[in-house]
Amino acid sequence: MTAFLTIIIVLFVAVAIWQMVKIFDLAQVNTSTSDTGVATDYDNKINGYLMIGFLLFIYAITIVCFVKWGDLPLMSNSASAHGPELDNLMIISMVIIFIVQTITQFLLHYFAFKYRGEKGKKALFFADNNTLEAIWTIIPVIVLAGLIIYGLFTWTSIMNVNEDDDPMMVELYAQQFNWKARYAGQDNVLGQANVRLIDLDKANILGLDEADPNAQDDVITTELHLVVNKPVLFKMRSQDVLHSAYMPHFRAQMNCVPGMITQFGFTPTVTTAQMRENPDMVEKVQRINEIRADKSKDLVAKGGEALERYDFDYLLLCNKICGKSHYNMQMKIIVETQEEFDAWMKEQKEFKNSLN
């Protein structure tokens, strides 16, 4: 570490000396007639063509990106009822940004080329033009207002969970560096909980109130199972620091804040088995396993063990940098039929039966 810091310091000193030398050179009186420091017509012409060249480069790399990665596979794997609406908002925003960027970059580079400096030529400019000011103020206001209003309606429709739909109540409990899921049991009411009630000796790992009748049938698991086409409302808590419950395929994310309860609800629409058959997902899994197979050869050659074959699973991730093991804070999510969920739930212990 000391050697690394020494190298950084030496590098900064070298940069500082280099900058001082440049300043010293600029401060010298230039008596040479061949180099006045003022750009010539030839210099301006070269710079003008370079601007056009850079514009063509931007367009070329954009076309390459669209051809190679423009299928937007992420937009085809939404697995929640509100996912397509959120994806539409994202696509509309990206299309508008792309159009504006294409036009403004063209104008910027083209005008830099067309009106490049020439000896004896003075650029025409307007000190004030109310019409132009109104145009480039009103148009962005209208576009941004439309996006914001559309976004607010989308957000409102996602966040307003209809209690009449009788959503399944599940608590997501975050702690460095793992997740726990707590199901509300038969009564579909989560029992009261507080971090001050955590008692590891009695296996009360989430701090449930043992005297609360609603807590007796709660079920605590390390794997999240959801029923396809059944609404679910998540109540989220954090034991230690700020976490963020992120479920990318369900287009769901909400912060887990110590000392308060946040919530997010959605309806899963695609089972894990169905998503594994998605063509984009099949291609992705195949590509990952090919990479793992190549790495496994090197590991085995060095006396190590081969990497396990990857199979797709929905994941709950932490999207806040919450500590040194943040990257590994995840929990598997399984979306299944009601019959499969009921069979799995019968194998779980209720809170009253899990206490020591």
Protein backbone atom coordinates (compact mmCIF):
# COMPACT_ATOMS: atom_id res chain seq x y z
CA MET A 1 0.00 0.00 0.00
CA THR A 2 2.86 2.37 0.84
CA ALA A 3 4.50 1.71 -2.52
CA PHE A 4 1.21 2.41 -4.30
CA LEU A 5 0.75 5.74 -2.48
CA THR A 6 4.37 6.68 -3.27
CA ILE A 7 3.80 6.03 -6.98
CA ILE A 8 0.63 8.15 -6.92
CA ILE A 9 2.44 11.04 -5.20
CA VAL A 10 5.32 10.89 -7.69
CA LEU A 11 2.80 10.88 -10.56
CA PHE A 12 1.00 13.95 -9.18
CA VAL A 13 4.32 15.78 -8.73
CA ALA A 14 5.29 14.97 -12.32
CA VAL A 15 1.96 16.29 -13.60
CA ALA A 16 2.37 19.48 -11.52
CA ILE A 17 5.87 20.08 -12.91
CA TRP A 18 4.63 19.48 -16.45
CA GLN A 19 1.82 22.01 -15.98
CA MET A 20 4.27 24.57 -14.55
CA VAL A 21 6.54 24.14 -17.58
CA LYS A 22 3.57 24.74 -19.91
CA ILE A 23 2.62 27.89 -18.02
CA PHE A 24 6.23 29.10 -18.18
CA ASP A 25 6.36 28.55 -21.95
CA LEU A 26 3.09 30.42 -22.46
CA ALA A 27 4.39 33.33 -20.42
CA GLN A 28 7.46 33.81 -22.63
CA VAL A 29 7.43 36.58 -25.22
CA ASN A 30 7.37 34.96 -28.66
CA THR A 31 9.66 36.87 -31.04
CA SER A 32 9.51 34.25 -33.78
CA THR A 33 7.82 35.37 -36.98
CA SER A 34 7.14 31.81 -38.08
CA ASP A 35 4.99 30.88 -35.04
CA THR A 36 2.81 33.63 -33.62
CA GLY A 37 0.60 31.28 -31.62
CA VAL A 38 -2.42 32.36 -33.68
CA ALA A 39 -4.26 29.73 -35.73
CA THR A 40 -3.86 30.10 -39.47
CA ASP A 41 -6.48 29.44 -42.14
CA TYR A 42 -4.83 26.05 -42.68
CA ASP A 43 -5.14 25.20 -38.97
CA ASN A 44 -8.80 26.20 -38.94
CA LYS A 45 -9.46 24.16 -42.08
CA ILE A 46 -7.87 21.06 -40.55
CA ASN A 47 -9.84 21.50 -37.32
CA GLY A 48 -13.05 21.96 -39.31
CA TYR A 49 -12.53 18.68 -41.17
CA LEU A 50 -11.62 16.97 -37.89
CA MET A 51 -14.97 18.09 -36.47
CA ILE A 52 -16.78 16.50 -39.43
CA GLY A 53 -14.63 13.39 -39.04
CA PHE A 54 -15.49 13.12 -35.36
CA LEU A 55 -19.20 13.55 -36.19
CA LEU A 56 -18.98 10.66 -38.66
CA PHE A 57 -17.18 8.60 -36.01
CA ILE A 58 -20.00 9.24 -33.50
CA TYR A 59 -22.63 8.16 -36.00
CA ALA A 60 -20.61 5.12 -37.09
CA ILE A 61 -20.07 3.85 -33.55
CA THR A 62 -23.75 4.45 -32.80
CA ILE A 63 -24.79 2.34 -35.81
CA VAL A 64 -22.37 -0.42 -34.77
CA CYS A 65 -23.83 -0.42 -31.24
CA PHE A 66 -27.37 -0.65 -32.61
CA VAL A 67 -26.47 -3.51 -34.96
CA LYS A 68 -24.57 -5.47 -32.30
CA TRP A 69 -26.49 -4.66 -29.13
CA GLY A 70 -29.60 -2.82 -30.30
CA ASP A 71 -32.06 -5.66 -29.74
CA LEU A 72 -32.49 -4.51 -26.12
CA PRO A 73 -32.99 -8.03 -24.68
CA LEU A 74 -33.66 -6.52 -21.26
CA MET A 75 -36.92 -5.14 -22.64
CA SER A 76 -38.14 -8.63 -23.51
CA ASN A 77 -37.82 -10.26 -20.09
CA SER A 78 -40.22 -8.25 -17.98
CA ALA A 79 -41.91 -10.59 -15.50
CA SER A 80 -44.40 -8.33 -13.71
CA ALA A 81 -47.74 -6.79 -14.65
CA HIS A 82 -46.41 -3.24 -14.54
CA GLY A 83 -43.13 -4.12 -16.31
CA PRO A 84 -44.23 -3.38 -19.92
CA GLU A 85 -45.52 0.06 -18.90
CA LEU A 86 -42.20 0.90 -17.26
CA ASP A 87 -40.31 -0.43 -20.27
CA ASN A 88 -42.38 1.78 -22.58
CA LEU A 89 -41.47 4.82 -20.51
CA MET A 90 -37.80 3.87 -20.77
CA ILE A 91 -37.98 3.32 -24.54
CA ILE A 92 -39.79 6.62 -25.14
CA SER A 93 -37.20 8.49 -23.05
CA MET A 94 -34.31 6.84 -24.90
CA VAL A 95 -35.84 7.54 -28.34
CA ILE A 96 -36.30 11.24 -27.51
CA ILE A 97 -32.77 11.48 -26.12
CA PHE A 98 -31.38 9.76 -29.24
CA ILE A 99 -33.22 12.08 -31.64
CA VAL A 100 -32.19 15.22 -29.77
CA GLN A 101 -28.59 14.02 -29.49
CA THR A 102 -28.42 13.20 -33.21
CA ILE A 103 -29.73 16.61 -34.28
CA THR A 104 -27.73 18.72 -31.80
CA GLN A 105 -24.46 16.89 -32.48
CA PHE A 106 -24.94 17.37 -36.21
CA LEU A 107 -25.60 21.09 -35.82
CA LEU A 108 -22.66 21.52 -33.42
CA HIS A 109 -20.09 19.85 -35.68
CA TYR A 110 -21.50 21.14 -38.97
CA PHE A 111 -21.52 24.77 -37.85
CA ALA A 112 -18.00 24.37 -36.44
CA PHE A 113 -16.95 23.26 -39.93
CA LYS A 114 -19.00 25.74 -41.96
CA TYR A 115 -18.10 28.80 -39.91
CA ARG A 116 -14.47 27.94 -39.22
CA GLY A 117 -12.16 30.91 -38.93
CA GLU A 118 -10.80 32.53 -42.09
CA LYS A 119 -8.60 35.58 -42.42
CA GLY A 120 -10.67 38.70 -42.97
CA LYS A 121 -13.95 36.89 -42.23
CA LYS A 122 -16.06 37.88 -39.25
CA ALA A 123 -18.78 35.66 -37.93
CA LEU A 124 -22.34 36.97 -37.89
CA PHE A 125 -23.88 36.79 -34.44
CA PHE A 126 -27.00 38.01 -32.64
CA ALA A 127 -26.60 39.78 -29.34
CA ASP A 128 -30.25 39.06 -28.59
CA ASN A 129 -33.03 37.16 -30.34
CA ASN A 130 -36.26 36.68 -28.45
CA THR A 131 -37.69 34.27 -31.03
CA LEU A 132 -34.77 31.86 -30.79
CA GLU A 133 -34.75 32.12 -27.00
CA ALA A 134 -38.46 31.25 -26.92
CA ILE A 135 -38.02 28.29 -29.29
CA TRP A 136 -35.19 26.55 -27.43
CA THR A 137 -36.86 27.24 -24.09
CA ILE A 138 -40.47 26.27 -24.84
CA ILE A 139 -39.71 23.06 -26.79
CA PRO A 140 -37.58 21.46 -24.00
CA VAL A 141 -40.16 22.55 -21.42
CA ILE A 142 -42.97 20.83 -23.33
CA VAL A 143 -40.96 17.64 -23.93
CA LEU A 144 -39.69 17.37 -20.35
CA ALA A 145 -43.09 18.20 -18.88
CA GLY A 146 -44.64 15.43 -21.00
CA LEU A 147 -42.04 12.91 -19.84
CA ILE A 148 -42.40 13.94 -16.20
CA ILE A 149 -46.19 13.78 -16.26
CA TYR A 150 -46.12 10.39 -18.00
CA GLY A 151 -43.56 9.20 -15.46
CA LEU A 152 -45.68 10.39 -12.53
CA PHE A 153 -48.75 8.58 -13.84
CA THR A 154 -46.67 5.44 -14.37
CA TRP A 155 -45.18 5.66 -10.88
CA THR A 156 -48.59 6.26 -9.32
CA SER A 157 -50.14 3.28 -11.09
CA ILE A 158 -47.27 1.07 -9.89
CA MET A 159 -47.24 2.25 -6.28
CA ASN A 160 -51.00 2.28 -5.69
CA VAL A 161 -51.50 -1.34 -4.65
CA ASN A 162 -55.19 -2.19 -4.52
CA GLU A 163 -55.90 -3.69 -1.10
CA ASP A 164 -59.14 -5.17 -2.50
CA ASP A 165 -57.02 -7.58 -4.54
CA ASP A 166 -55.95 -9.17 -1.25
CA PRO A 167 -52.22 -9.16 -2.02
CA MET A 168 -49.94 -11.65 -0.33
CA MET A 169 -48.05 -9.91 2.48
CA VAL A 170 -44.31 -10.54 2.59
CA GLU A 171 -41.61 -8.78 4.55
CA LEU A 172 -38.14 -8.38 3.06
CA TYR A 173 -35.59 -8.05 5.85
CA ALA A 174 -32.16 -6.71 4.90
CA GLN A 175 -28.99 -7.07 6.92
CA GLN A 176 -25.32 -7.15 6.09
CA PHE A 177 -25.04 -9.19 3.93
CA ASN A 178 -28.14 -11.33 3.35
CA TRP A 179 -31.89 -11.24 2.94
CA LYS A 180 -34.68 -12.88 4.87
CA ALA A 181 -38.29 -13.23 3.71
CA ARG A 182 -41.17 -13.33 6.22
CA TYR A 183 -44.58 -14.54 5.07
CA ALA A 184 -47.70 -13.40 6.89
CA GLY A 185 -49.09 -16.92 7.28
CA GLN A 186 -52.74 -17.98 7.12
CA ASP A 187 -54.10 -14.68 8.48
CA ASN A 188 -52.11 -12.69 5.86
CA VAL A 189 -51.16 -10.18 8.58
CA LEU A 190 -47.53 -9.64 9.48
CA GLY A 191 -46.83 -9.70 13.20
CA GLN A 192 -45.19 -6.76 14.96
CA ALA A 193 -41.40 -6.73 14.95
CA ASN A 194 -38.57 -4.62 16.32
CA VAL A 195 -34.80 -5.02 16.08
CA ARG A 196 -34.61 -4.62 19.87
CA LEU A 197 -36.51 -7.90 20.21
CA ILE A 198 -33.92 -9.92 18.29
CA ASP A 199 -32.91 -12.90 20.41
CA LEU A 200 -30.49 -15.26 18.71
CA ASP A 201 -30.60 -17.69 21.63
CA LYS A 202 -34.29 -18.28 20.91
CA ALA A 203 -33.86 -18.14 17.12
CA ASN A 204 -35.90 -14.93 16.96
CA ILE A 205 -33.63 -13.58 14.24
CA LEU A 206 -35.95 -10.83 12.97
CA GLY A 207 -37.13 -9.46 16.30
CA LEU A 208 -40.76 -10.59 16.09
CA ASP A 209 -43.00 -9.81 19.04
CA GLU A 210 -43.61 -13.21 20.59
CA ALA A 211 -46.74 -11.91 22.33
CA ASP A 212 -48.38 -10.76 19.10
CA PRO A 213 -50.97 -13.35 17.89
CA ASN A 214 -50.43 -12.25 14.28
CA ALA A 215 -46.77 -13.21 14.51
CA GLN A 216 -47.36 -16.81 15.56
CA ASP A 217 -48.05 -18.16 12.06
CA ASP A 218 -45.44 -16.02 10.29
CA VAL A 219 -42.89 -17.99 8.27
CA ILE A 220 -39.26 -16.90 7.90
CA THR A 221 -37.29 -18.20 4.90
CA THR A 222 -34.01 -17.60 3.08
CA GLU A 223 -35.63 -18.12 -0.32
CA LEU A 224 -38.43 -16.04 -1.80
CA HIS A 225 -41.31 -17.94 -3.41
CA LEU A 226 -44.06 -16.05 -5.26
CA VAL A 227 -47.28 -17.18 -6.91
CA VAL A 228 -47.69 -16.34 -10.58
CA ASN A 229 -50.46 -13.82 -11.32
CA LYS A 230 -51.05 -13.20 -7.61
CA PRO A 231 -50.40 -9.67 -6.27
CA VAL A 232 -47.77 -9.39 -3.56
CA LEU A 233 -47.09 -6.44 -1.26
CA PHE A 234 -43.61 -6.25 0.23
CA LYS A 235 -42.91 -4.54 3.54
CA MET A 236 -39.21 -3.78 3.80
CA ARG A 237 -36.97 -3.30 6.83
CA SER A 238 -33.23 -2.94 7.37
CA GLN A 239 -31.38 -4.06 10.47
CA ASP A 240 -28.19 -2.03 10.06
CA VAL A 241 -27.48 0.27 7.10
CA LEU A 242 -29.29 1.54 4.02
CA HIS A 243 -29.99 -1.29 1.57
CA SER A 244 -32.02 -1.38 -1.63
CA ALA A 245 -34.27 -4.28 -2.60
CA TYR A 246 -33.77 -4.63 -6.35
CA MET A 247 -35.60 -7.22 -8.44
CA PRO A 248 -34.63 -6.33 -12.03
CA HIS A 249 -36.87 -8.74 -13.93
CA PHE A 250 -39.90 -7.49 -11.99
CA ARG A 251 -38.93 -3.84 -12.54
CA ALA A 252 -39.05 -3.34 -8.78
CA GLN A 253 -36.73 -1.41 -6.48
CA MET A 254 -37.21 0.19 -3.09
CA ASN A 255 -34.81 1.33 -0.38
CA CYS A 256 -34.73 -0.53 2.92
CA VAL A 257 -34.18 2.15 5.56
CA PRO A 258 -33.17 1.45 9.18
CA GLY A 259 -35.88 2.55 11.59
CA MET A 260 -38.76 2.66 9.12
CA ILE A 261 -40.86 0.41 6.89
CA THR A 262 -41.03 0.96 3.13
CA GLN A 263 -43.16 -0.96 0.67
CA PHE A 264 -43.46 -1.99 -2.96
CA GLY A 265 -46.03 -4.22 -4.65
CA PHE A 266 -46.36 -5.98 -7.98
CA THR A 267 -47.89 -9.01 -9.65
CA PRO A 268 -45.47 -11.60 -11.11
CA THR A 269 -46.64 -12.80 -14.51
CA VAL A 270 -43.97 -15.25 -15.67
CA THR A 271 -42.92 -18.35 -13.73
CA THR A 272 -39.28 -19.25 -13.34
CA ALA A 273 -39.79 -22.24 -15.62
CA GLN A 274 -41.36 -20.07 -18.32
CA MET A 275 -38.58 -17.48 -18.14
CA ARG A 276 -35.99 -20.22 -18.56
CA GLU A 277 -37.62 -21.01 -21.92
CA ASN A 278 -37.47 -17.37 -23.10
CA PRO A 279 -35.30 -17.35 -26.28
CA ASP A 280 -33.24 -14.39 -25.08
CA MET A 281 -32.69 -16.08 -21.73
CA VAL A 282 -31.76 -19.39 -23.37
CA GLU A 283 -29.16 -17.59 -25.47
CA LYS A 284 -27.80 -15.74 -22.44
CA VAL A 285 -27.53 -18.92 -20.33
CA GLN A 286 -25.80 -20.72 -23.18
CA ARG A 287 -23.29 -17.90 -23.57
CA ILE A 288 -22.55 -17.85 -19.82
CA ASN A 289 -22.04 -21.61 -19.72
CA GLU A 290 -19.65 -21.43 -22.67
CA ILE A 291 -17.58 -18.87 -20.77
CA ARG A 292 -17.69 -21.03 -17.63
CA ALA A 293 -16.61 -24.08 -19.60
CA ASP A 294 -13.55 -22.24 -20.94
CA LYS A 295 -12.61 -21.01 -17.46
CA SER A 296 -13.17 -24.47 -16.00
CA LYS A 297 -10.53 -25.91 -18.34
CA ASP A 298 -7.94 -23.52 -16.93
CA LEU A 299 -9.03 -24.21 -13.35
CA VAL A 300 -8.89 -27.98 -13.78
CA ALA A 301 -5.49 -27.72 -15.45
CA LYS A 302 -4.23 -25.89 -12.36
CA GLY A 303 -5.66 -28.54 -10.05
CA GLY A 304 -8.85 -26.68 -9.17
CA GLU A 305 -12.50 -27.62 -9.56
CA ALA A 306 -14.67 -26.90 -12.57
CA LEU A 307 -17.32 -24.18 -12.29
CA GLU A 308 -20.89 -25.31 -11.83
CA ARG A 309 -23.25 -25.03 -14.77
CA TYR A 310 -25.35 -21.86 -14.62
CA ASP A 311 -29.12 -21.98 -14.72
CA PHE A 312 -31.36 -18.93 -14.69
CA ASP A 313 -33.08 -17.81 -11.50
CA TYR A 314 -34.80 -14.58 -10.57
CA LEU A 315 -32.76 -12.74 -7.95
CA LEU A 316 -33.31 -10.21 -5.20
CA LEU A 317 -30.23 -8.00 -5.10
CA CYS A 318 -29.01 -5.13 -2.96
CA ASN A 319 -28.57 -2.04 -5.11
CA LYS A 320 -26.82 0.06 -2.47
CA ILE A 321 -23.13 -0.22 -1.68
CA CYS A 322 -23.70 -1.46 1.86
CA GLY A 323 -20.27 -2.85 2.76
CA LYS A 324 -17.46 -5.14 1.71
CA SER A 325 -19.74 -8.09 0.80
CA HIS A 326 -22.39 -5.98 -0.92
CA TYR A 327 -21.77 -7.77 -4.24
CA ASN A 328 -22.82 -11.09 -2.71
CA MET A 329 -26.04 -9.89 -1.02
CA GLN A 330 -28.68 -11.70 -3.00
CA MET A 331 -31.56 -14.13 -2.59
CA LYS A 332 -33.13 -16.49 -5.09
CA ILE A 333 -36.72 -15.79 -6.16
CA ILE A 334 -38.91 -18.61 -7.44
CA VAL A 335 -42.17 -17.80 -9.24
CA GLU A 336 -44.44 -20.83 -9.39
CA THR A 337 -48.03 -21.98 -9.49
CA GLN A 338 -50.34 -21.82 -6.47
CA GLU A 339 -50.14 -25.61 -6.04
CA GLU A 340 -46.32 -25.57 -6.05
CA PHE A 341 -46.27 -22.68 -3.60
CA ASP A 342 -48.68 -24.39 -1.20
CA ALA A 343 -46.59 -27.56 -1.28
CA TRP A 344 -43.44 -25.57 -0.48
CA MET A 345 -45.14 -23.60 2.29
CA LYS A 346 -46.22 -26.81 4.03
CA GLU A 347 -42.55 -27.69 4.45
CA GLN A 348 -41.77 -24.41 6.29
CA LYS A 349 -41.90 -23.85 10.03
CA GLU A 350 -44.18 -21.24 11.56
CA PHE A 351 -42.60 -18.78 13.95
CA LYS A 352 -44.24 -20.31 17.03
CA ASN A 353 -42.71 -23.69 16.14
CA SER A 354 -39.24 -22.36 15.33
CA LEU A 355 -38.50 -20.84 18.74
CA ASN A 356 -36.05 -22.74 20.90
